[in-house]
Amino acid sequence: MGRRIVDLHDILTRILRVYNRESAAMWLVGSEPLLGGARPIDVLALEGASAVIRAIDGITQGAHA
């Protein structure tokens, strides 16, 4: 459980650099093309932080799926 909390904190810290609080919350539970349409919160829970971090990095670099 500790690892999941650390991963969630890392994801939140990163996405809040990109979006305001409301937009970040919507992003976490919305469909993300850079994750194949999956919800970032689901990917985080099922696969861990790395794919979600790559998606955030893609967003910051202007990538589009």
PDB file of N, CA and C in Angstrom:
ATOM      1  N   MET A   1       0.826  -1.188   0.000  1.00  0.00           N
ATOM      2  CA  MET A   1       0.000   0.000   0.000  1.00  0.00           C
ATOM      3  C   MET A   1       0.872   1.255   0.000  1.00  0.00           C
ATOM      4  N   GLY A   2       1.987   1.217   0.665  1.00  0.00           N
ATOM      5  CA  GLY A   2       2.879   2.366   0.720  1.00  0.00           C
ATOM      6  C   GLY A   2       3.368   2.800  -0.649  1.00  0.00           C
ATOM      7  N   ARG A   3       3.687   1.821  -1.494  1.00  0.00           N
ATOM      8  CA  ARG A   3       4.155   2.139  -2.856  1.00  0.00           C
ATOM      9  C   ARG A   3       3.063   2.848  -3.655  1.00  0.00           C
ATOM     10  N   ARG A   4       1.833   2.412  -3.501  1.00  0.00           N
ATOM     11  CA  ARG A   4       0.725   3.042  -4.226  1.00  0.00           C
ATOM     12  C   ARG A   4       0.540   4.497  -3.802  1.00  0.00           C
ATOM     13  N   ILE A   5       0.701   4.751  -2.513  1.00  0.00           N
ATOM     14  CA  ILE A   5       0.571   6.130  -2.021  1.00  0.00           C
ATOM     15  C   ILE A   5       1.681   6.996  -2.588  1.00  0.00           C
ATOM     16  N   VAL A   6       2.890   6.483  -2.600  1.00  0.00           N
ATOM     17  CA  VAL A   6       4.018   7.233  -3.170  1.00  0.00           C
ATOM     18  C   VAL A   6       3.793   7.478  -4.655  1.00  0.00           C
ATOM     19  N   ASP A   7       3.334   6.460  -5.383  1.00  0.00           N
ATOM     20  CA  ASP A   7       3.057   6.612  -6.818  1.00  0.00           C
ATOM     21  C   ASP A   7       1.971   7.654  -7.063  1.00  0.00           C
ATOM     22  N   LEU A   8       0.902   7.609  -6.284  1.00  0.00           N
ATOM     23  CA  LEU A   8      -0.178   8.579  -6.447  1.00  0.00           C
ATOM     24  C   LEU A   8       0.326   9.990  -6.166  1.00  0.00           C
ATOM     25  N   HIS A   9       1.119  10.144  -5.139  1.00  0.00           N
ATOM     26  CA  HIS A   9       1.690  11.460  -4.824  1.00  0.00           C
ATOM     27  C   HIS A   9       2.546  11.960  -5.981  1.00  0.00           C
ATOM     28  N   ASP A  10       3.353  11.088  -6.539  1.00  0.00           N
ATOM     29  CA  ASP A  10       4.209  11.461  -7.678  1.00  0.00           C
ATOM     30  C   ASP A  10       3.363  11.895  -8.876  1.00  0.00           C
ATOM     31  N   ILE A  11       2.336  11.136  -9.182  1.00  0.00           N
ATOM     32  CA  ILE A  11       1.453  11.457 -10.307  1.00  0.00           C
ATOM     33  C   ILE A  11       0.758  12.793 -10.063  1.00  0.00           C
ATOM     34  N   LEU A  12       0.224  12.983  -8.870  1.00  0.00           N
ATOM     35  CA  LEU A  12      -0.461  14.237  -8.564  1.00  0.00           C
ATOM     36  C   LEU A  12       0.484  15.429  -8.657  1.00  0.00           C
ATOM     37  N   THR A  13       1.673  15.280  -8.149  1.00  0.00           N
ATOM     38  CA  THR A  13       2.665  16.362  -8.222  1.00  0.00           C
ATOM     39  C   THR A  13       2.950  16.714  -9.670  1.00  0.00           C
ATOM     40  N   ARG A  14       3.126  15.711 -10.501  1.00  0.00           N
ATOM     41  CA  ARG A  14       3.437  15.950 -11.916  1.00  0.00           C
ATOM     42  C   ARG A  14       2.265  16.572 -12.676  1.00  0.00           C
ATOM     43  N   ILE A  15       1.061  16.039 -12.492  1.00  0.00           N
ATOM     44  CA  ILE A  15      -0.064  16.539 -13.275  1.00  0.00           C
ATOM     45  C   ILE A  15      -0.472  17.934 -12.823  1.00  0.00           C
ATOM     46  N   LEU A  16      -0.235  18.263 -11.558  1.00  0.00           N
ATOM     47  CA  LEU A  16      -0.553  19.608 -11.085  1.00  0.00           C
ATOM     48  C   LEU A  16       0.423  20.662 -11.619  1.00  0.00           C
ATOM     49  N   ARG A  17       1.509  20.233 -12.189  1.00  0.00           N
ATOM     50  CA  ARG A  17       2.412  21.161 -12.884  1.00  0.00           C
ATOM     51  C   ARG A  17       1.870  21.503 -14.267  1.00  0.00           C
ATOM     52  N   VAL A  18       0.973  20.668 -14.762  1.00  0.00           N
ATOM     53  CA  VAL A  18       0.418  20.836 -16.104  1.00  0.00           C
ATOM     54  C   VAL A  18      -0.962  21.494 -16.056  1.00  0.00           C
ATOM     55  N   TYR A  19      -1.806  21.032 -15.141  1.00  0.00           N
ATOM     56  CA  TYR A  19      -3.192  21.479 -15.050  1.00  0.00           C
ATOM     57  C   TYR A  19      -3.481  22.057 -13.666  1.00  0.00           C
ATOM     58  N   ASN A  20      -4.541  22.876 -13.590  1.00  0.00           N
ATOM     59  CA  ASN A  20      -5.004  23.336 -12.281  1.00  0.00           C
ATOM     60  C   ASN A  20      -5.689  22.164 -11.579  1.00  0.00           C
ATOM     61  N   ARG A  21      -6.069  22.353 -10.333  1.00  0.00           N
ATOM     62  CA  ARG A  21      -6.630  21.252  -9.528  1.00  0.00           C
ATOM     63  C   ARG A  21      -7.845  20.595 -10.179  1.00  0.00           C
ATOM     64  N   GLU A  22      -8.779  21.401 -10.622  1.00  0.00           N
ATOM     65  CA  GLU A  22     -10.003  20.854 -11.201  1.00  0.00           C
ATOM     66  C   GLU A  22      -9.709  20.068 -12.470  1.00  0.00           C
ATOM     67  N   SER A  23      -8.890  20.632 -13.340  1.00  0.00           N
ATOM     68  CA  SER A  23      -8.550  19.948 -14.589  1.00  0.00           C
ATOM     69  C   SER A  23      -7.749  18.685 -14.320  1.00  0.00           C
ATOM     70  N   ALA A  24      -6.853  18.730 -13.339  1.00  0.00           N
ATOM     71  CA  ALA A  24      -6.067  17.545 -12.986  1.00  0.00           C
ATOM     72  C   ALA A  24      -6.969  16.425 -12.482  1.00  0.00           C
ATOM     73  N   ALA A  25      -7.948  16.778 -11.649  1.00  0.00           N
ATOM     74  CA  ALA A  25      -8.881  15.771 -11.134  1.00  0.00           C
ATOM     75  C   ALA A  25      -9.687  15.155 -12.271  1.00  0.00           C
ATOM     76  N   MET A  26     -10.124  15.993 -13.202  1.00  0.00           N
ATOM     77  CA  MET A  26     -10.876  15.483 -14.355  1.00  0.00           C
ATOM     78  C   MET A  26      -9.996  14.599 -15.227  1.00  0.00           C
ATOM     79  N   TRP A  27      -8.738  14.975 -15.396  1.00  0.00           N
ATOM     80  CA  TRP A  27      -7.811  14.189 -16.197  1.00  0.00           C
ATOM     81  C   TRP A  27      -7.613  12.800 -15.594  1.00  0.00           C
ATOM     82  N   LEU A  28      -7.472  12.736 -14.278  1.00  0.00           N
ATOM     83  CA  LEU A  28      -7.236  11.455 -13.611  1.00  0.00           C
ATOM     84  C   LEU A  28      -8.353  10.441 -13.855  1.00  0.00           C
ATOM     85  N   VAL A  29      -9.582  10.912 -13.989  1.00  0.00           N
ATOM     86  CA  VAL A  29     -10.711   9.989 -14.141  1.00  0.00           C
ATOM     87  C   VAL A  29     -11.307  10.015 -15.545  1.00  0.00           C
ATOM     88  N   GLY A  30     -10.657  10.747 -16.439  1.00  0.00           N
ATOM     89  CA  GLY A  30     -11.137  10.825 -17.816  1.00  0.00           C
ATOM     90  C   GLY A  30     -10.358   9.908 -18.736  1.00  0.00           C
ATOM     91  N   SER A  31     -10.819   9.807 -19.938  1.00  0.00           N
ATOM     92  CA  SER A  31     -10.160   9.002 -20.964  1.00  0.00           C
ATOM     93  C   SER A  31      -8.924   9.740 -21.474  1.00  0.00           C
ATOM     94  N   GLU A  32      -7.776   9.069 -21.472  1.00  0.00           N
ATOM     95  CA  GLU A  32      -6.525   9.677 -21.929  1.00  0.00           C
ATOM     96  C   GLU A  32      -6.019   8.951 -23.177  1.00  0.00           C
ATOM     97  N   PRO A  33      -6.015   9.631 -24.319  1.00  0.00           N
ATOM     98  CA  PRO A  33      -5.545   9.007 -25.564  1.00  0.00           C
ATOM     99  C   PRO A  33      -4.129   8.439 -25.468  1.00  0.00           C
ATOM    100  N   LEU A  34      -3.261   9.089 -24.713  1.00  0.00           N
ATOM    101  CA  LEU A  34      -1.890   8.593 -24.586  1.00  0.00           C
ATOM    102  C   LEU A  34      -1.806   7.300 -23.769  1.00  0.00           C
ATOM    103  N   LEU A  35      -2.918   6.920 -23.174  1.00  0.00           N
ATOM    104  CA  LEU A  35      -3.004   5.643 -22.449  1.00  0.00           C
ATOM    105  C   LEU A  35      -3.978   4.700 -23.151  1.00  0.00           C
ATOM    106  N   GLY A  36      -4.147   4.901 -24.442  1.00  0.00           N
ATOM    107  CA  GLY A  36      -5.049   4.054 -25.213  1.00  0.00           C
ATOM    108  C   GLY A  36      -6.507   4.257 -24.854  1.00  0.00           C
ATOM    109  N   GLY A  37      -6.835   5.429 -24.330  1.00  0.00           N
ATOM    110  CA  GLY A  37      -8.204   5.732 -23.946  1.00  0.00           C
ATOM    111  C   GLY A  37      -8.557   5.337 -22.524  1.00  0.00           C
ATOM    112  N   ALA A  38      -7.616   4.735 -21.835  1.00  0.00           N
ATOM    113  CA  ALA A  38      -7.864   4.319 -20.447  1.00  0.00           C
ATOM    114  C   ALA A  38      -7.842   5.526 -19.515  1.00  0.00           C
ATOM    115  N   ARG A  39      -8.448   5.358 -18.350  1.00  0.00           N
ATOM    116  CA  ARG A  39      -8.406   6.399 -17.327  1.00  0.00           C
ATOM    117  C   ARG A  39      -7.069   6.313 -16.593  1.00  0.00           C
ATOM    118  N   PRO A  40      -6.372   7.429 -16.437  1.00  0.00           N
ATOM    119  CA  PRO A  40      -5.082   7.401 -15.746  1.00  0.00           C
ATOM    120  C   PRO A  40      -5.149   6.759 -14.358  1.00  0.00           C
ATOM    121  N   ILE A  41      -6.208   7.001 -13.613  1.00  0.00           N
ATOM    122  CA  ILE A  41      -6.319   6.420 -12.275  1.00  0.00           C
ATOM    123  C   ILE A  41      -6.389   4.892 -12.340  1.00  0.00           C
ATOM    124  N   ASP A  42      -7.036   4.355 -13.382  1.00  0.00           N
ATOM    125  CA  ASP A  42      -7.114   2.899 -13.538  1.00  0.00           C
ATOM    126  C   ASP A  42      -5.764   2.317 -13.933  1.00  0.00           C
ATOM    127  N   VAL A  43      -5.086   2.994 -14.854  1.00  0.00           N
ATOM    128  CA  VAL A  43      -3.756   2.527 -15.271  1.00  0.00           C
ATOM    129  C   VAL A  43      -2.813   2.536 -14.082  1.00  0.00           C
ATOM    130  N   LEU A  44      -2.874   3.587 -13.293  1.00  0.00           N
ATOM    131  CA  LEU A  44      -2.033   3.670 -12.097  1.00  0.00           C
ATOM    132  C   LEU A  44      -2.298   2.492 -11.171  1.00  0.00           C
ATOM    133  N   ALA A  45      -3.558   2.185 -10.935  1.00  0.00           N
ATOM    134  CA  ALA A  45      -3.915   1.091 -10.024  1.00  0.00           C
ATOM    135  C   ALA A  45      -3.524  -0.274 -10.571  1.00  0.00           C
ATOM    136  N   LEU A  46      -3.669  -0.469 -11.881  1.00  0.00           N
ATOM    137  CA  LEU A  46      -3.439  -1.786 -12.467  1.00  0.00           C
ATOM    138  C   LEU A  46      -2.000  -2.030 -12.910  1.00  0.00           C
ATOM    139  N   GLU A  47      -1.337  -0.975 -13.383  1.00  0.00           N
ATOM    140  CA  GLU A  47      -0.018  -1.150 -13.988  1.00  0.00           C
ATOM    141  C   GLU A  47       1.097  -0.398 -13.275  1.00  0.00           C
ATOM    142  N   GLY A  48       0.741   0.497 -12.384  1.00  0.00           N
ATOM    143  CA  GLY A  48       1.745   1.305 -11.709  1.00  0.00           C
ATOM    144  C   GLY A  48       1.913   2.659 -12.382  1.00  0.00           C
ATOM    145  N   ALA A  49       2.863   3.411 -11.897  1.00  0.00           N
ATOM    146  CA  ALA A  49       3.004   4.812 -12.280  1.00  0.00           C
ATOM    147  C   ALA A  49       3.704   5.046 -13.614  1.00  0.00           C
ATOM    148  N   SER A  50       4.519   4.142 -14.082  1.00  0.00           N
ATOM    149  CA  SER A  50       5.390   4.442 -15.226  1.00  0.00           C
ATOM    150  C   SER A  50       4.615   4.846 -16.486  1.00  0.00           C
ATOM    151  N   ALA A  51       3.563   4.138 -16.827  1.00  0.00           N
ATOM    152  CA  ALA A  51       2.790   4.488 -18.028  1.00  0.00           C
ATOM    153  C   ALA A  51       2.103   5.841 -17.868  1.00  0.00           C
ATOM    154  N   VAL A  52       1.620   6.117 -16.672  1.00  0.00           N
ATOM    155  CA  VAL A  52       0.952   7.392 -16.418  1.00  0.00           C
ATOM    156  C   VAL A  52       1.970   8.534 -16.476  1.00  0.00           C
ATOM    157  N   ILE A  53       3.144   8.311 -15.945  1.00  0.00           N
ATOM    158  CA  ILE A  53       4.209   9.322 -16.017  1.00  0.00           C
ATOM    159  C   ILE A  53       4.584   9.589 -17.464  1.00  0.00           C
ATOM    160  N   ARG A  54       4.671   8.543 -18.270  1.00  0.00           N
ATOM    161  CA  ARG A  54       4.970   8.742 -19.699  1.00  0.00           C
ATOM    162  C   ARG A  54       3.883   9.556 -20.383  1.00  0.00           C
ATOM    163  N   ALA A  55       2.631   9.320 -20.010  1.00  0.00           N
ATOM    164  CA  ALA A  55       1.528  10.094 -20.588  1.00  0.00           C
ATOM    165  C   ALA A  55       1.634  11.563 -20.178  1.00  0.00           C
ATOM    166  N   ILE A  56       1.929  11.812 -18.919  1.00  0.00           N
ATOM    167  CA  ILE A  56       2.088  13.199 -18.468  1.00  0.00           C
ATOM    168  C   ILE A  56       3.260  13.853 -19.195  1.00  0.00           C
ATOM    169  N   ASP A  57       4.348  13.132 -19.330  1.00  0.00           N
ATOM    170  CA  ASP A  57       5.500  13.661 -20.081  1.00  0.00           C
ATOM    171  C   ASP A  57       5.106  13.976 -21.519  1.00  0.00           C
ATOM    172  N   GLY A  58       4.297  13.111 -22.110  1.00  0.00           N
ATOM    173  CA  GLY A  58       3.823  13.359 -23.472  1.00  0.00           C
ATOM    174  C   GLY A  58       2.971  14.608 -23.557  1.00  0.00           C
ATOM    175  N   ILE A  59       2.128  14.798 -22.569  1.00  0.00           N
ATOM    176  CA  ILE A  59       1.284  15.998 -22.530  1.00  0.00           C
ATOM    177  C   ILE A  59       2.164  17.249 -22.437  1.00  0.00           C
ATOM    178  N   THR A  60       3.142  17.221 -21.566  1.00  0.00           N
ATOM    179  CA  THR A  60       3.997  18.398 -21.385  1.00  0.00           C
ATOM    180  C   THR A  60       4.832  18.689 -22.625  1.00  0.00           C
ATOM    181  N   GLN A  61       5.092  17.648 -23.417  1.00  0.00           N
ATOM    182  CA  GLN A  61       5.862  17.820 -24.641  1.00  0.00           C
ATOM    183  C   GLN A  61       4.980  18.074 -25.853  1.00  0.00           C
ATOM    184  N   GLY A  62       3.670  18.135 -25.626  1.00  0.00           N
ATOM    185  CA  GLY A  62       2.741  18.430 -26.711  1.00  0.00           C
ATOM    186  C   GLY A  62       2.387  17.244 -27.573  1.00  0.00           C
ATOM    187  N   ALA A  63       2.601  16.031 -27.075  1.00  0.00           N
ATOM    188  CA  ALA A  63       2.281  14.834 -27.857  1.00  0.00           C
ATOM    189  C   ALA A  63       0.778  14.621 -27.936  1.00  0.00           C
ATOM    190  N   HIS A  64       0.358  14.014 -29.020  1.00  0.00           N
ATOM    191  CA  HIS A  64      -1.028  13.635 -29.210  1.00  0.00           C
ATOM    192  C   HIS A  64      -1.056  12.201 -29.674  1.00  0.00           C
ATOM    193  N   ALA A  65      -2.001  11.433 -29.156  1.00  0.00           N
ATOM    194  CA  ALA A  65      -2.088  10.019 -29.541  1.00  0.00           C
ATOM    195  C   ALA A  65      -2.744   9.877 -30.889  1.00  0.00           C
TER     196      ALA A  65
END
